[in-house]
């Protein structure tokens, strides 16, 4: 498979999983986390499919399109080891959806970050929250969700608290 086909499949999987997650959390109040703002495409999509939700974004640096940068109140800038504890203190266990887009292309560090997030994210997630991720975020207490039709196993991951 070409790299172009691979990125297209990844983005289609991401969109399908986020749409499914939006339906699962419908009627349950709480903010959304976007871990890995990147160029802001997914943040922009989340604003469109979840217009009533507050969306908090995390990244080491701003590299997003100017129209896709949240205001300062909704942007946690810096290393996740520093910003997630700040978010936990501010938001508590109120988050209904966490989109975790942390893959760096370097497999082992990406997997290690996913394992670390499985320890840290529970301090932010409300009961019934959904975690959608590009890397495994293995937590024994979370239920694995079926992926939407057309999304290959391992291409994306969905779990519910």
N, C-alpha and C. Protein backbone atom coordinates (compact mmCIF):
# COMPACT_ATOMS: atom_id res chain seq x y z
N UNK A 1 0.85 -1.17 0.00
CA UNK A 1 0.00 0.00 0.00
C UNK A 1 0.90 1.24 0.00
N UNK A 2 0.53 2.21 -0.82
CA UNK A 2 1.32 3.44 -0.86
C UNK A 2 1.11 4.25 0.41
N UNK A 3 2.03 5.14 0.67
CA UNK A 3 1.91 6.01 1.85
C UNK A 3 0.67 6.90 1.73
N UNK A 4 0.33 7.31 0.50
CA UNK A 4 -0.87 8.12 0.29
C UNK A 4 -2.11 7.31 0.66
N UNK A 5 -2.20 6.07 0.16
CA UNK A 5 -3.35 5.23 0.50
C UNK A 5 -3.42 4.99 2.01
N UNK A 6 -2.27 4.81 2.64
CA UNK A 6 -2.24 4.58 4.08
C UNK A 6 -2.79 5.77 4.85
N UNK A 7 -2.37 6.97 4.50
CA UNK A 7 -2.86 8.15 5.22
C UNK A 7 -4.35 8.36 4.96
N UNK A 8 -4.81 8.07 3.75
CA UNK A 8 -6.24 8.20 3.45
C UNK A 8 -7.04 7.23 4.32
N UNK A 9 -6.58 6.00 4.41
CA UNK A 9 -7.29 5.01 5.24
C UNK A 9 -7.27 5.40 6.71
N UNK A 10 -6.14 5.95 7.17
CA UNK A 10 -6.07 6.38 8.57
C UNK A 10 -7.05 7.51 8.84
N UNK A 11 -7.13 8.48 7.94
CA UNK A 11 -8.04 9.61 8.14
C UNK A 11 -9.50 9.17 8.03
N UNK A 12 -9.80 8.25 7.12
CA UNK A 12 -11.16 7.72 7.03
C UNK A 12 -11.53 6.98 8.30
N UNK A 13 -10.60 6.20 8.84
CA UNK A 13 -10.84 5.48 10.09
C UNK A 13 -11.05 6.46 11.24
N UNK A 14 -10.22 7.49 11.29
CA UNK A 14 -10.35 8.51 12.33
C UNK A 14 -11.72 9.16 12.28
N UNK A 15 -12.14 9.56 11.09
CA UNK A 15 -13.44 10.22 10.94
C UNK A 15 -14.58 9.29 11.35
N UNK A 16 -14.52 8.03 10.92
CA UNK A 16 -15.57 7.07 11.26
C UNK A 16 -15.63 6.83 12.77
N UNK A 17 -14.48 6.68 13.41
CA UNK A 17 -14.44 6.43 14.85
C UNK A 17 -14.94 7.65 15.64
N UNK A 18 -14.56 8.84 15.22
CA UNK A 18 -15.03 10.04 15.91
C UNK A 18 -16.53 10.22 15.74
N UNK A 19 -17.06 9.91 14.57
CA UNK A 19 -18.51 9.98 14.36
C UNK A 19 -19.24 9.00 15.26
N UNK A 20 -18.72 7.79 15.37
CA UNK A 20 -19.30 6.78 16.25
C UNK A 20 -19.24 7.24 17.71
N UNK A 21 -18.10 7.78 18.12
CA UNK A 21 -17.94 8.26 19.49
C UNK A 21 -18.91 9.40 19.79
N UNK A 22 -19.10 10.30 18.83
CA UNK A 22 -20.03 11.42 19.02
C UNK A 22 -21.44 10.89 19.28
N UNK A 23 -21.83 9.85 18.57
CA UNK A 23 -23.16 9.26 18.80
C UNK A 23 -23.24 8.60 20.17
N UNK A 24 -22.17 7.95 20.59
CA UNK A 24 -22.16 7.26 21.89
C UNK A 24 -22.28 8.23 23.06
N UNK A 25 -21.72 9.41 22.94
CA UNK A 25 -21.75 10.35 24.06
C UNK A 25 -22.92 11.34 23.97
N UNK A 26 -23.71 11.24 22.92
CA UNK A 26 -24.84 12.14 22.76
C UNK A 26 -25.74 12.07 24.00
N UNK A 27 -26.09 13.21 24.54
CA UNK A 27 -26.95 13.27 25.71
C UNK A 27 -26.20 13.19 27.03
N UNK A 28 -24.91 13.02 26.99
CA UNK A 28 -24.08 12.96 28.19
C UNK A 28 -23.17 14.19 28.20
N UNK A 29 -23.39 15.12 29.11
CA UNK A 29 -22.59 16.36 29.10
C UNK A 29 -21.14 16.11 29.49
N UNK A 30 -20.29 16.97 28.98
CA UNK A 30 -18.87 16.92 29.33
C UNK A 30 -18.02 17.35 28.16
N UNK A 31 -16.84 17.86 28.47
CA UNK A 31 -15.95 18.36 27.41
C UNK A 31 -15.25 17.23 26.65
N UNK A 32 -14.51 17.66 25.64
CA UNK A 32 -13.75 16.79 24.76
C UNK A 32 -12.27 17.16 24.88
N UNK A 33 -11.40 16.16 24.83
CA UNK A 33 -9.96 16.40 24.78
C UNK A 33 -9.45 16.01 23.40
N UNK A 34 -8.60 16.84 22.85
CA UNK A 34 -7.88 16.55 21.61
C UNK A 34 -6.39 16.53 21.96
N UNK A 35 -5.85 15.32 22.16
CA UNK A 35 -4.44 15.18 22.51
C UNK A 35 -3.65 15.02 21.22
N UNK A 36 -2.98 16.10 20.85
CA UNK A 36 -2.25 16.15 19.59
C UNK A 36 -2.98 17.06 18.61
N UNK A 37 -2.91 18.37 18.82
CA UNK A 37 -3.59 19.32 17.94
C UNK A 37 -3.05 19.24 16.52
N UNK A 38 -1.74 19.10 16.37
CA UNK A 38 -1.15 19.01 15.03
C UNK A 38 -1.51 20.22 14.19
N UNK A 39 -1.99 19.96 12.98
CA UNK A 39 -2.35 21.08 12.10
C UNK A 39 -3.79 21.54 12.30
N UNK A 40 -4.51 20.92 13.22
CA UNK A 40 -5.84 21.38 13.59
C UNK A 40 -6.99 20.78 12.82
N UNK A 41 -6.72 19.86 11.88
CA UNK A 41 -7.82 19.28 11.09
C UNK A 41 -8.84 18.56 11.96
N UNK A 42 -8.36 17.73 12.88
CA UNK A 42 -9.30 16.97 13.71
C UNK A 42 -10.03 17.88 14.68
N UNK A 43 -9.34 18.85 15.24
CA UNK A 43 -10.00 19.84 16.11
C UNK A 43 -11.12 20.53 15.35
N UNK A 44 -10.86 20.93 14.11
CA UNK A 44 -11.87 21.57 13.29
C UNK A 44 -13.06 20.63 13.07
N UNK A 45 -12.77 19.36 12.82
CA UNK A 45 -13.84 18.37 12.62
C UNK A 45 -14.65 18.17 13.90
N UNK A 46 -13.96 18.10 15.04
CA UNK A 46 -14.67 17.95 16.31
C UNK A 46 -15.58 19.14 16.58
N UNK A 47 -15.14 20.34 16.24
CA UNK A 47 -16.00 21.53 16.40
C UNK A 47 -17.26 21.40 15.56
N UNK A 48 -17.12 20.79 14.40
CA UNK A 48 -18.27 20.64 13.51
C UNK A 48 -19.25 19.58 13.99
N UNK A 49 -18.74 18.43 14.44
CA UNK A 49 -19.65 17.34 14.83
C UNK A 49 -20.12 17.44 16.27
N UNK A 50 -19.43 18.24 17.08
CA UNK A 50 -19.81 18.42 18.50
C UNK A 50 -19.83 19.92 18.84
N UNK A 51 -20.69 20.69 18.16
CA UNK A 51 -20.63 22.15 18.31
C UNK A 51 -20.98 22.65 19.71
N UNK A 52 -21.69 21.85 20.49
CA UNK A 52 -22.10 22.30 21.83
C UNK A 52 -21.05 21.98 22.89
N UNK A 53 -20.00 21.28 22.53
CA UNK A 53 -19.00 20.83 23.51
C UNK A 53 -17.81 21.78 23.59
N UNK A 54 -17.29 21.91 24.80
CA UNK A 54 -15.99 22.57 24.95
C UNK A 54 -14.93 21.55 24.55
N UNK A 55 -13.94 22.01 23.79
CA UNK A 55 -12.87 21.14 23.32
C UNK A 55 -11.55 21.71 23.80
N UNK A 56 -10.83 20.89 24.57
CA UNK A 56 -9.52 21.28 25.09
C UNK A 56 -8.44 20.55 24.31
N UNK A 57 -7.49 21.30 23.81
CA UNK A 57 -6.43 20.75 22.96
C UNK A 57 -5.09 20.77 23.66
N UNK A 58 -4.26 19.81 23.28
CA UNK A 58 -2.93 19.64 23.87
C UNK A 58 -1.92 19.45 22.75
N UNK A 59 -0.80 20.14 22.87
CA UNK A 59 0.32 19.90 21.96
C UNK A 59 1.56 20.56 22.53
N UNK A 60 2.70 20.14 22.03
CA UNK A 60 3.97 20.72 22.49
C UNK A 60 4.17 22.12 21.95
N UNK A 61 3.69 22.34 20.74
CA UNK A 61 3.84 23.64 20.09
C UNK A 61 2.68 23.84 19.13
N UNK A 62 2.41 25.07 18.78
CA UNK A 62 1.35 25.39 17.84
C UNK A 62 1.90 25.25 16.42
N UNK A 63 1.24 24.40 15.64
CA UNK A 63 1.60 24.22 14.23
C UNK A 63 0.34 24.18 13.37
N UNK A 64 -0.79 24.57 13.96
CA UNK A 64 -2.09 24.47 13.28
C UNK A 64 -2.35 25.67 12.38
N UNK A 65 -3.26 25.45 11.45
CA UNK A 65 -3.77 26.54 10.62
C UNK A 65 -4.37 27.58 11.56
N UNK A 66 -4.21 28.87 11.27
CA UNK A 66 -4.71 29.92 12.18
C UNK A 66 -6.20 29.80 12.52
N UNK A 67 -7.01 29.28 11.61
CA UNK A 67 -8.44 29.11 11.88
C UNK A 67 -8.73 27.91 12.79
N UNK A 68 -7.71 27.12 13.06
CA UNK A 68 -7.90 25.88 13.81
C UNK A 68 -7.08 25.86 15.10
N UNK A 69 -6.91 27.02 15.69
CA UNK A 69 -6.19 27.14 16.96
C UNK A 69 -7.20 27.57 18.02
N UNK A 70 -7.36 26.78 19.08
CA UNK A 70 -8.30 27.18 20.13
C UNK A 70 -7.79 28.41 20.88
N UNK A 71 -8.72 29.05 21.59
CA UNK A 71 -8.30 30.18 22.42
C UNK A 71 -7.43 29.67 23.57
N UNK A 72 -6.78 30.59 24.24
CA UNK A 72 -5.82 30.22 25.29
C UNK A 72 -6.45 29.39 26.40
N UNK A 73 -7.72 29.64 26.70
CA UNK A 73 -8.41 28.90 27.77
C UNK A 73 -8.56 27.41 27.42
N UNK A 74 -8.59 27.11 26.13
CA UNK A 74 -8.82 25.74 25.67
C UNK A 74 -7.58 25.08 25.07
N UNK A 75 -6.42 25.71 25.24
CA UNK A 75 -5.17 25.18 24.69
C UNK A 75 -4.18 24.93 25.81
N UNK A 76 -3.74 23.69 25.94
CA UNK A 76 -2.70 23.32 26.89
C UNK A 76 -1.43 23.10 26.09
N UNK A 77 -0.49 24.00 26.26
CA UNK A 77 0.73 23.99 25.47
C UNK A 77 1.91 23.49 26.30
N UNK A 78 2.59 22.45 25.82
CA UNK A 78 3.73 21.90 26.52
C UNK A 78 3.69 20.39 26.51
N UNK A 79 4.58 19.79 27.24
CA UNK A 79 4.66 18.33 27.33
C UNK A 79 3.45 17.79 28.09
N UNK A 80 2.91 16.66 27.63
CA UNK A 80 1.74 16.08 28.29
C UNK A 80 1.99 15.76 29.76
N UNK A 81 3.22 15.44 30.12
CA UNK A 81 3.52 15.13 31.52
C UNK A 81 3.31 16.35 32.41
N UNK A 82 3.35 17.54 31.83
CA UNK A 82 3.10 18.77 32.57
C UNK A 82 1.68 19.28 32.39
N UNK A 83 1.13 19.14 31.19
CA UNK A 83 -0.18 19.74 30.90
C UNK A 83 -1.36 18.89 31.34
N UNK A 84 -1.24 17.56 31.28
CA UNK A 84 -2.36 16.73 31.71
C UNK A 84 -2.67 16.87 33.20
N UNK A 85 -1.67 16.96 34.09
CA UNK A 85 -2.00 17.22 35.50
C UNK A 85 -2.71 18.57 35.69
N UNK A 86 -2.34 19.58 34.92
CA UNK A 86 -3.04 20.87 35.00
C UNK A 86 -4.49 20.72 34.56
N UNK A 87 -4.71 19.97 33.49
CA UNK A 87 -6.07 19.74 33.01
C UNK A 87 -6.88 18.94 34.03
N UNK A 88 -6.25 17.96 34.66
CA UNK A 88 -6.94 17.16 35.67
C UNK A 88 -7.38 18.04 36.83
N UNK A 89 -6.51 18.93 37.27
CA UNK A 89 -6.86 19.84 38.37
C UNK A 89 -8.00 20.77 37.96
N UNK A 90 -8.03 21.17 36.72
CA UNK A 90 -9.04 22.11 36.25
C UNK A 90 -10.37 21.45 35.90
N UNK A 91 -10.32 20.28 35.26
CA UNK A 91 -11.53 19.66 34.73
C UNK A 91 -12.06 18.52 35.59
N UNK A 92 -11.19 17.87 36.36
CA UNK A 92 -11.63 16.70 37.11
C UNK A 92 -12.09 15.60 36.16
N UNK A 93 -12.94 14.72 36.67
CA UNK A 93 -13.42 13.59 35.86
C UNK A 93 -14.71 13.96 35.14
N UNK A 94 -14.62 14.91 34.22
CA UNK A 94 -15.80 15.39 33.50
C UNK A 94 -15.76 15.10 32.00
N UNK A 95 -14.62 14.67 31.49
CA UNK A 95 -14.43 14.53 30.04
C UNK A 95 -15.22 13.34 29.51
N UNK A 96 -15.97 13.56 28.41
CA UNK A 96 -16.76 12.49 27.80
C UNK A 96 -16.10 11.88 26.58
N UNK A 97 -15.18 12.59 25.95
CA UNK A 97 -14.48 12.04 24.78
C UNK A 97 -13.04 12.50 24.81
N UNK A 98 -12.14 11.55 24.66
CA UNK A 98 -10.72 11.88 24.51
C UNK A 98 -10.26 11.31 23.17
N UNK A 99 -9.83 12.19 22.28
CA UNK A 99 -9.21 11.74 21.04
C UNK A 99 -7.71 11.85 21.23
N UNK A 100 -7.05 10.72 21.12
CA UNK A 100 -5.63 10.62 21.39
C UNK A 100 -4.91 10.35 20.07
N UNK A 101 -4.30 11.38 19.52
CA UNK A 101 -3.58 11.28 18.24
C UNK A 101 -2.11 11.56 18.51
N UNK A 102 -1.41 10.53 18.98
CA UNK A 102 -0.06 10.71 19.52
C UNK A 102 1.02 10.00 18.73
N UNK A 103 0.64 9.26 17.70
CA UNK A 103 1.62 8.49 16.94
C UNK A 103 2.66 9.40 16.30
N UNK A 104 3.92 9.06 16.51
CA UNK A 104 5.00 9.89 15.98
C UNK A 104 5.68 9.24 14.78
N UNK A 105 5.28 8.02 14.45
CA UNK A 105 5.99 7.28 13.43
C UNK A 105 7.10 6.43 14.01
N UNK A 106 7.45 6.68 15.26
CA UNK A 106 8.45 5.90 15.98
C UNK A 106 7.68 4.97 16.92
N UNK A 107 7.60 3.69 16.56
CA UNK A 107 6.68 2.75 17.19
C UNK A 107 6.83 2.64 18.71
N UNK A 108 8.01 2.36 19.19
CA UNK A 108 8.18 2.11 20.63
C UNK A 108 7.83 3.32 21.50
N UNK A 109 8.34 4.53 21.19
CA UNK A 109 7.93 5.68 22.00
C UNK A 109 6.42 5.96 21.93
N UNK A 110 5.80 5.72 20.78
CA UNK A 110 4.35 5.93 20.66
C UNK A 110 3.59 4.95 21.54
N UNK A 111 4.01 3.68 21.54
CA UNK A 111 3.37 2.68 22.38
C UNK A 111 3.58 2.98 23.86
N UNK A 112 4.78 3.43 24.22
CA UNK A 112 5.06 3.79 25.62
C UNK A 112 4.19 4.96 26.06
N UNK A 113 4.00 5.93 25.20
CA UNK A 113 3.14 7.07 25.54
C UNK A 113 1.70 6.61 25.72
N UNK A 114 1.24 5.68 24.89
CA UNK A 114 -0.10 5.13 25.06
C UNK A 114 -0.27 4.44 26.40
N UNK A 115 0.74 3.67 26.80
CA UNK A 115 0.68 2.99 28.11
C UNK A 115 0.65 4.01 29.25
N UNK A 116 1.44 5.06 29.13
CA UNK A 116 1.46 6.10 30.16
C UNK A 116 0.11 6.81 30.23
N UNK A 117 -0.48 7.09 29.08
CA UNK A 117 -1.78 7.76 29.07
C UNK A 117 -2.86 6.91 29.72
N UNK A 118 -2.75 5.59 29.61
CA UNK A 118 -3.72 4.70 30.25
C UNK A 118 -3.69 4.86 31.77
N UNK A 119 -2.57 5.30 32.31
CA UNK A 119 -2.46 5.55 33.75
C UNK A 119 -2.96 6.94 34.13
N UNK A 120 -2.84 7.91 33.23
CA UNK A 120 -3.12 9.31 33.55
C UNK A 120 -4.54 9.73 33.18
N UNK A 121 -5.04 9.24 32.05
CA UNK A 121 -6.35 9.70 31.57
C UNK A 121 -7.52 9.40 32.52
N UNK A 122 -7.51 8.30 33.29
CA UNK A 122 -8.66 8.06 34.17
C UNK A 122 -8.99 9.23 35.10
N UNK A 123 -8.02 10.05 35.44
CA UNK A 123 -8.26 11.22 36.28
C UNK A 123 -9.06 12.32 35.60
N UNK A 124 -9.30 12.15 34.31
CA UNK A 124 -10.06 13.14 33.54
C UNK A 124 -11.38 12.62 33.00
N UNK A 125 -11.54 11.30 32.93
CA UNK A 125 -12.66 10.72 32.20
C UNK A 125 -13.87 10.43 33.09
N UNK A 126 -15.02 10.86 32.62
CA UNK A 126 -16.28 10.60 33.31
C UNK A 126 -16.72 9.16 33.02
N UNK A 127 -17.57 8.60 33.87
CA UNK A 127 -18.12 7.27 33.57
C UNK A 127 -18.84 7.31 32.21
N UNK A 128 -18.56 6.31 31.39
CA UNK A 128 -19.16 6.25 30.06
C UNK A 128 -18.39 6.98 28.98
N UNK A 129 -17.30 7.65 29.36
CA UNK A 129 -16.50 8.39 28.38
C UNK A 129 -15.93 7.43 27.34
N UNK A 130 -15.64 7.98 26.17
CA UNK A 130 -15.08 7.20 25.07
C UNK A 130 -13.67 7.72 24.77
N UNK A 131 -12.75 6.78 24.57
CA UNK A 131 -11.38 7.09 24.18
C UNK A 131 -11.18 6.56 22.77
N UNK A 132 -10.84 7.46 21.86
CA UNK A 132 -10.56 7.12 20.46
C UNK A 132 -9.09 7.44 20.25
N UNK A 133 -8.32 6.47 19.74
CA UNK A 133 -6.88 6.69 19.67
C UNK A 133 -6.25 6.04 18.44
N UNK A 134 -5.16 6.66 18.00
CA UNK A 134 -4.40 6.09 16.88
C UNK A 134 -3.42 5.03 17.36
N UNK A 135 -3.11 5.02 18.63
CA UNK A 135 -2.21 4.03 19.25
C UNK A 135 -2.98 3.33 20.36
N UNK A 136 -2.62 2.10 20.71
CA UNK A 136 -3.27 1.45 21.84
C UNK A 136 -3.07 2.26 23.13
N UNK A 137 -4.14 2.39 23.90
CA UNK A 137 -4.09 2.99 25.24
C UNK A 137 -4.68 1.92 26.17
N UNK A 138 -3.85 0.94 26.54
CA UNK A 138 -4.37 -0.27 27.20
C UNK A 138 -4.72 -0.06 28.67
N UNK A 139 -6.01 -0.15 28.96
CA UNK A 139 -6.49 -0.01 30.34
C UNK A 139 -7.43 -1.16 30.63
N UNK A 140 -7.11 -1.95 31.64
CA UNK A 140 -7.88 -3.15 31.95
C UNK A 140 -9.32 -2.85 32.33
N UNK A 141 -9.58 -1.66 32.87
CA UNK A 141 -10.92 -1.32 33.31
C UNK A 141 -11.82 -0.74 32.23
N UNK A 142 -11.29 -0.54 31.05
CA UNK A 142 -12.08 0.03 29.95
C UNK A 142 -12.53 -1.08 29.02
N UNK A 143 -13.70 -0.89 28.45
CA UNK A 143 -14.28 -1.88 27.53
C UNK A 143 -13.87 -1.54 26.10
N UNK A 144 -13.32 -2.53 25.39
CA UNK A 144 -13.01 -2.33 23.98
C UNK A 144 -14.31 -2.23 23.20
N UNK A 145 -14.40 -1.26 22.32
CA UNK A 145 -15.59 -1.08 21.49
C UNK A 145 -15.32 -1.61 20.09
N UNK A 146 -16.38 -2.11 19.46
CA UNK A 146 -16.26 -2.52 18.06
C UNK A 146 -15.98 -1.30 17.22
N UNK A 147 -15.11 -1.47 16.24
CA UNK A 147 -14.81 -0.38 15.32
C UNK A 147 -15.92 -0.26 14.29
N UNK A 148 -16.13 0.94 13.76
CA UNK A 148 -17.15 1.10 12.72
C UNK A 148 -16.84 0.24 11.50
N UNK A 149 -17.88 -0.06 10.73
CA UNK A 149 -17.70 -0.81 9.49
C UNK A 149 -16.65 -0.15 8.62
N UNK A 150 -15.80 -0.95 8.04
CA UNK A 150 -14.78 -0.45 7.13
C UNK A 150 -13.48 -0.06 7.79
N UNK A 151 -13.44 -0.05 9.12
CA UNK A 151 -12.20 0.29 9.83
C UNK A 151 -11.50 -1.01 10.22
N UNK A 152 -10.30 -1.20 9.69
CA UNK A 152 -9.54 -2.41 9.96
C UNK A 152 -9.07 -2.45 11.41
N UNK A 153 -9.12 -3.64 11.99
CA UNK A 153 -8.64 -3.84 13.36
C UNK A 153 -7.19 -3.35 13.46
N UNK A 154 -6.89 -2.55 14.48
CA UNK A 154 -5.55 -2.03 14.69
C UNK A 154 -5.27 -0.71 13.98
N UNK A 155 -6.12 -0.34 13.04
CA UNK A 155 -5.94 0.94 12.34
C UNK A 155 -6.24 2.09 13.29
N UNK A 156 -7.27 1.91 14.12
CA UNK A 156 -7.65 2.88 15.14
C UNK A 156 -8.18 2.08 16.32
N UNK A 157 -8.39 2.72 17.45
CA UNK A 157 -8.79 2.02 18.67
C UNK A 157 -9.91 2.81 19.35
N UNK A 158 -10.88 2.08 19.90
CA UNK A 158 -11.99 2.72 20.63
C UNK A 158 -12.25 1.93 21.91
N UNK A 159 -12.38 2.69 23.01
CA UNK A 159 -12.68 2.09 24.30
C UNK A 159 -13.68 2.97 25.04
N UNK A 160 -14.38 2.35 25.98
CA UNK A 160 -15.33 3.11 26.80
C UNK A 160 -15.04 2.85 28.26
N UNK A 161 -15.09 3.92 29.04
CA UNK A 161 -14.84 3.85 30.48
C UNK A 161 -16.03 3.20 31.16
